[in-house]
Amino acid sequence: MYLKSGRNLPNLETADFSMNKIEEKVVRRFVTADTTCKSISICKTGIEKAAYPGVEVFHCNGLGALVKRM
């Protein structure tokens, strides 16, 4: 619903999609639509790896990623 509205949340800096069933194309659309988002978490979403310009992505693929997320 948020993406369909065409609006963005001006104070949003981080979004956590962890442990949700979500497709990478939806995350990509979200990051593209909301230019204020600086970081996202995709732990346990089924999305292996993703990179988006200007957005820090936290994932749970390996010990280094888990430590960085903390």
Protein backbone atom coordinates (compact mmCIF):
# COMPACT_ATOMS: atom_id res chain seq x y z
CA MET A 1 0.00 0.00 0.00
CA TYR A 2 2.85 2.38 0.86
CA LEU A 3 4.50 1.87 -2.52
CA LYS A 4 1.22 2.23 -4.40
CA SER A 5 0.54 5.61 -2.79
CA GLY A 6 3.60 7.20 -4.39
CA ARG A 7 4.44 8.97 -1.13
CA ASN A 8 7.62 8.78 0.87
CA LEU A 9 8.31 9.12 4.57
CA PRO A 10 10.60 12.15 4.91
CA ASN A 11 12.17 11.07 8.23
CA LEU A 12 12.70 7.40 7.34
CA GLU A 13 16.37 6.45 7.56
CA THR A 14 16.19 2.68 8.01
CA ALA A 15 13.79 -0.12 7.11
CA ASP A 16 13.81 -3.64 8.50
CA PHE A 17 12.41 -6.35 6.24
CA SER A 18 13.97 -9.14 8.32
CA MET A 19 12.06 -12.40 8.72
CA ASN A 20 9.40 -11.37 6.19
CA LYS A 21 8.51 -13.05 2.95
CA ILE A 22 9.41 -10.34 0.47
CA GLU A 23 10.80 -10.37 -3.04
CA GLU A 24 13.95 -8.51 -4.03
CA LYS A 25 12.05 -6.53 -6.67
CA VAL A 26 9.78 -5.10 -3.95
CA VAL A 27 12.77 -4.08 -1.83
CA ARG A 28 14.40 -2.51 -4.90
CA ARG A 29 11.20 -0.59 -5.66
CA PHE A 30 11.00 0.60 -2.05
CA VAL A 31 14.61 1.82 -2.03
CA THR A 32 14.12 3.56 -5.37
CA ALA A 33 10.87 5.22 -4.27
CA ASP A 34 12.07 6.40 -0.86
CA THR A 35 15.21 8.49 -1.34
CA THR A 36 15.65 9.22 2.40
CA CYS A 37 16.30 5.58 3.37
CA LYS A 38 19.97 5.07 4.31
CA SER A 39 19.96 1.43 5.41
CA ILE A 40 17.84 -1.71 5.16
CA SER A 41 17.94 -5.11 6.81
CA ILE A 42 17.09 -8.22 4.79
CA CYS A 43 18.00 -10.98 7.29
CA LYS A 44 16.10 -14.22 6.78
CA THR A 45 14.06 -12.90 3.85
CA GLY A 46 15.35 -15.35 1.28
CA ILE A 47 17.18 -12.57 -0.54
CA GLU A 48 20.76 -13.78 -0.74
CA LYS A 49 22.63 -10.58 -1.51
CA ALA A 50 21.56 -7.22 -2.77
CA ALA A 51 23.19 -3.85 -3.32
CA TYR A 52 21.52 -0.50 -3.81
CA PRO A 53 23.37 2.75 -4.52
CA GLY A 54 23.53 4.96 -1.43
CA VAL A 55 21.88 2.39 0.85
CA GLU A 56 23.68 0.18 3.37
CA VAL A 57 22.30 -3.36 3.28
CA PHE A 58 22.48 -5.67 6.30
CA HIS A 59 22.06 -9.38 5.65
CA CYS A 60 22.74 -12.53 7.66
CA ASN A 61 24.96 -14.31 5.15
CA GLY A 62 27.95 -15.16 7.32
CA LEU A 63 29.34 -14.20 10.69
CA GLY A 64 30.79 -10.89 9.46
CA ALA A 65 27.38 -9.68 8.35
CA LEU A 66 25.81 -10.62 11.67
CA VAL A 67 28.50 -8.82 13.68
CA LYS A 68 28.19 -5.73 11.48
CA ARG A 69 24.42 -5.69 12.00
CA MET A 70 24.85 -5.59 15.78
